Amino acid sequence: MAENARFKVTIRCKQCGERFVLKAKRDKGRIDTGFRQCICSNETDFDIEPNV
């Protein structure tokens, strides 16, 4: 995948189960969505999966 290409990811909170579908970009091998916190105040415990 090209560097800085936009793609969709699904973020699922491991604490409350809430799911979010966001656009992301890959920056130096890291996925960046700008997502910071779930509605349950969880800031660290997530599953992030690229949508194919």
C-alpha atoms as a PDB file:
ATOM      1  CA  MET A   1       0.000   0.000   0.000  1.00  0.00           C
ATOM      2  CA  ALA A   2       1.301   3.457  -0.813  1.00  0.00           C
ATOM      3  CA  GLU A   3       2.567   5.624   2.014  1.00  0.00           C
ATOM      4  CA  ASN A   4      -0.049   8.240   3.095  1.00  0.00           C
ATOM      5  CA  ALA A   5      -2.848   6.465   1.150  1.00  0.00           C
ATOM      6  CA  ARG A   6      -6.260   6.751   2.816  1.00  0.00           C
ATOM      7  CA  PHE A   7      -8.225   3.619   3.698  1.00  0.00           C
ATOM      8  CA  LYS A   8     -11.014   2.629   6.083  1.00  0.00           C
ATOM      9  CA  VAL A   9     -10.441   0.911   9.423  1.00  0.00           C
ATOM     10  CA  THR A  10     -12.788  -0.542  12.020  1.00  0.00           C
ATOM     11  CA  ILE A  11     -11.957   0.301  15.622  1.00  0.00           C
ATOM     12  CA  ARG A  12     -13.641  -1.805  18.313  1.00  0.00           C
ATOM     13  CA  CYS A  13     -13.447  -0.919  21.986  1.00  0.00           C
ATOM     14  CA  LYS A  14     -12.478  -3.971  24.052  1.00  0.00           C
ATOM     15  CA  GLN A  15     -14.203  -2.541  27.142  1.00  0.00           C
ATOM     16  CA  CYS A  16     -17.710  -1.659  25.917  1.00  0.00           C
ATOM     17  CA  GLY A  17     -17.802  -3.212  22.415  1.00  0.00           C
ATOM     18  CA  GLU A  18     -18.610   0.040  20.585  1.00  0.00           C
ATOM     19  CA  ARG A  19     -17.444   0.062  16.948  1.00  0.00           C
ATOM     20  CA  PHE A  20     -16.247   2.968  14.835  1.00  0.00           C
ATOM     21  CA  VAL A  21     -15.475   3.000  11.093  1.00  0.00           C
ATOM     22  CA  LEU A  22     -12.995   5.742  10.230  1.00  0.00           C
ATOM     23  CA  LYS A  23     -10.665   6.785   7.449  1.00  0.00           C
ATOM     24  CA  ALA A  24      -7.002   6.317   8.257  1.00  0.00           C
ATOM     25  CA  LYS A  25      -3.619   6.864   6.704  1.00  0.00           C
ATOM     26  CA  ARG A  26      -0.425   4.910   7.126  1.00  0.00           C
ATOM     27  CA  ASP A  27       2.472   7.048   8.343  1.00  0.00           C
ATOM     28  CA  LYS A  28       5.888   5.372   8.743  1.00  0.00           C
ATOM     29  CA  GLY A  29       4.289   1.945   9.231  1.00  0.00           C
ATOM     30  CA  ARG A  30       1.799   3.246  11.794  1.00  0.00           C
ATOM     31  CA  ILE A  31      -1.963   3.626  11.254  1.00  0.00           C
ATOM     32  CA  ASP A  32      -3.202   7.139  12.087  1.00  0.00           C
ATOM     33  CA  THR A  33      -6.935   7.925  12.367  1.00  0.00           C
ATOM     34  CA  GLY A  34      -6.924  10.791  14.828  1.00  0.00           C
ATOM     35  CA  PHE A  35      -9.126   8.627  17.110  1.00  0.00           C
ATOM     36  CA  ARG A  36      -8.298   9.281  20.766  1.00  0.00           C
ATOM     37  CA  GLN A  37     -11.022   7.960  23.067  1.00  0.00           C
ATOM     38  CA  CYS A  38     -14.176   5.832  23.087  1.00  0.00           C
ATOM     39  CA  ILE A  39     -17.461   7.134  24.469  1.00  0.00           C
ATOM     40  CA  CYS A  40     -16.822   4.970  27.579  1.00  0.00           C
ATOM     41  CA  SER A  41     -13.600   6.979  28.244  1.00  0.00           C
ATOM     42  CA  ASN A  42     -11.309   4.107  27.185  1.00  0.00           C
ATOM     43  CA  GLU A  43      -8.120   5.540  25.646  1.00  0.00           C
ATOM     44  CA  THR A  44      -5.913   2.456  25.180  1.00  0.00           C
ATOM     45  CA  ASP A  45      -7.684  -0.908  24.764  1.00  0.00           C
ATOM     46  CA  PHE A  46      -8.848  -1.233  21.113  1.00  0.00           C
ATOM     47  CA  ASP A  47      -8.850  -3.678  18.205  1.00  0.00           C
ATOM     48  CA  ILE A  48      -7.986  -1.898  14.945  1.00  0.00           C
ATOM     49  CA  GLU A  49      -8.637  -3.761  11.683  1.00  0.00           C
ATOM     50  CA  PRO A  50      -8.156  -2.432   8.145  1.00  0.00           C
ATOM     51  CA  ASN A  51     -11.303  -2.893   5.993  1.00  0.00           C
ATOM     52  CA  VAL A  52     -10.577  -4.785   2.818  1.00  0.00           C
END
